Amino acid sequence: VERIARATAVEVAATGVHWTFSPVLCITRDLRWGRVSETFGEDPFLIGELASAMVRGYQGDGLDDPTAIL
């Protein structure tokens, strides 16, 4: 997840955008919810671990990194 987020950050930053609406940290409790596919699932621990990895990837070498996104 961290490597994917790093690649995403580099590509997004290349467009001049330095922010994202990701990761979605909502806990899926009802599969009928229309945004289930945007979340990491229903396990709060797993959501935290995956979200942490994604944020590390987005930040790269720090927020002064020109390819970092928020």
C-alpha atoms as a PDB file:
ATOM      1  CA  VAL A   1       0.000   0.000   0.000  1.00  0.00           C
ATOM      2  CA  GLU A   2       2.823   2.406   0.829  1.00  0.00           C
ATOM      3  CA  ARG A   3       4.541   1.851  -2.521  1.00  0.00           C
ATOM      4  CA  ILE A   4       1.267   2.269  -4.401  1.00  0.00           C
ATOM      5  CA  ALA A   5       0.559   5.514  -2.528  1.00  0.00           C
ATOM      6  CA  ARG A   6       4.079   6.780  -3.307  1.00  0.00           C
ATOM      7  CA  ALA A   7       3.556   6.124  -7.021  1.00  0.00           C
ATOM      8  CA  THR A   8       0.152   7.808  -6.845  1.00  0.00           C
ATOM      9  CA  ALA A   9       1.649  10.848  -5.104  1.00  0.00           C
ATOM     10  CA  VAL A  10       4.331  11.252  -7.759  1.00  0.00           C
ATOM     11  CA  GLU A  11       1.769  11.046 -10.558  1.00  0.00           C
ATOM     12  CA  VAL A  12      -0.717  13.391  -8.865  1.00  0.00           C
ATOM     13  CA  ALA A  13       1.976  15.946  -7.969  1.00  0.00           C
ATOM     14  CA  ALA A  14       3.119  15.954 -11.603  1.00  0.00           C
ATOM     15  CA  THR A  15      -0.289  17.407 -12.531  1.00  0.00           C
ATOM     16  CA  GLY A  16       0.227  20.301 -10.107  1.00  0.00           C
ATOM     17  CA  VAL A  17      -2.239  18.976  -7.543  1.00  0.00           C
ATOM     18  CA  HIS A  18      -0.842  18.337  -4.069  1.00  0.00           C
ATOM     19  CA  TRP A  19      -3.853  16.959  -2.213  1.00  0.00           C
ATOM     20  CA  THR A  20      -6.223  14.017  -2.324  1.00  0.00           C
ATOM     21  CA  PHE A  21      -9.474  12.916  -0.715  1.00  0.00           C
ATOM     22  CA  SER A  22      -7.833   9.641   0.233  1.00  0.00           C
ATOM     23  CA  PRO A  23      -7.599   7.526   2.328  1.00  0.00           C
ATOM     24  CA  VAL A  24     -11.235   7.033   3.309  1.00  0.00           C
ATOM     25  CA  LEU A  25     -11.172   5.888   6.937  1.00  0.00           C
ATOM     26  CA  CYS A  26     -14.850   5.043   7.300  1.00  0.00           C
ATOM     27  CA  ILE A  27     -15.575   1.644   8.800  1.00  0.00           C
ATOM     28  CA  THR A  28     -17.835  -0.442   6.584  1.00  0.00           C
ATOM     29  CA  ARG A  29     -20.710  -1.695   8.696  1.00  0.00           C
ATOM     30  CA  ASP A  30     -23.385  -2.142   6.034  1.00  0.00           C
ATOM     31  CA  LEU A  31     -22.483  -3.584   2.633  1.00  0.00           C
ATOM     32  CA  ARG A  32     -25.410  -1.734   1.064  1.00  0.00           C
ATOM     33  CA  TRP A  33     -23.597   1.558   1.624  1.00  0.00           C
ATOM     34  CA  GLY A  34     -22.708   2.979  -1.789  1.00  0.00           C
ATOM     35  CA  ARG A  35     -19.109   3.868  -0.929  1.00  0.00           C
ATOM     36  CA  VAL A  36     -17.909   0.523   0.444  1.00  0.00           C
ATOM     37  CA  SER A  37     -15.351   0.139  -2.346  1.00  0.00           C
ATOM     38  CA  GLU A  38     -13.587   3.342  -1.203  1.00  0.00           C
ATOM     39  CA  THR A  39     -12.825   1.999   2.281  1.00  0.00           C
ATOM     40  CA  PHE A  40     -10.347  -0.522   3.663  1.00  0.00           C
ATOM     41  CA  GLY A  41     -13.114  -2.681   5.141  1.00  0.00           C
ATOM     42  CA  GLU A  42     -14.708  -3.312   8.506  1.00  0.00           C
ATOM     43  CA  ASP A  43     -11.731  -4.067  10.770  1.00  0.00           C
ATOM     44  CA  PRO A  44     -10.643  -0.901  12.641  1.00  0.00           C
ATOM     45  CA  PHE A  45      -7.116  -2.230  13.259  1.00  0.00           C
ATOM     46  CA  LEU A  46      -6.598  -3.134   9.599  1.00  0.00           C
ATOM     47  CA  ILE A  47      -8.008   0.223   8.497  1.00  0.00           C
ATOM     48  CA  GLY A  48      -5.492   1.992  10.742  1.00  0.00           C
ATOM     49  CA  GLU A  49      -2.538  -0.017   9.470  1.00  0.00           C
ATOM     50  CA  LEU A  50      -3.422   0.421   5.801  1.00  0.00           C
ATOM     51  CA  ALA A  51      -4.233   4.114   6.206  1.00  0.00           C
ATOM     52  CA  SER A  52      -0.907   4.714   7.979  1.00  0.00           C
ATOM     53  CA  ALA A  53       0.950   3.040   5.127  1.00  0.00           C
ATOM     54  CA  MET A  54      -0.960   5.110   2.584  1.00  0.00           C
ATOM     55  CA  VAL A  55      -0.207   8.390   4.365  1.00  0.00           C
ATOM     56  CA  ARG A  56       3.501   7.502   4.601  1.00  0.00           C
ATOM     57  CA  GLY A  57       3.510   6.854   0.859  1.00  0.00           C
ATOM     58  CA  TYR A  58       1.713  10.110   0.107  1.00  0.00           C
ATOM     59  CA  GLN A  59       4.147  12.115   2.250  1.00  0.00           C
ATOM     60  CA  GLY A  60       7.284  10.603   0.722  1.00  0.00           C
ATOM     61  CA  ASP A  61      10.404  12.123   2.283  1.00  0.00           C
ATOM     62  CA  GLY A  62       8.338  14.730   4.123  1.00  0.00           C
ATOM     63  CA  LEU A  63       5.960  17.504   3.278  1.00  0.00           C
ATOM     64  CA  ASP A  64       8.803  19.558   1.793  1.00  0.00           C
ATOM     65  CA  ASP A  65       9.179  16.805  -0.842  1.00  0.00           C
ATOM     66  CA  PRO A  66       7.869  18.301  -4.119  1.00  0.00           C
ATOM     67  CA  THR A  67       6.092  15.022  -4.853  1.00  0.00           C
ATOM     68  CA  ALA A  68       4.333  14.862  -1.469  1.00  0.00           C
ATOM     69  CA  ILE A  69       0.562  15.154  -1.418  1.00  0.00           C
ATOM     70  CA  LEU A  70      -1.846  15.661   1.466  1.00  0.00           C
END
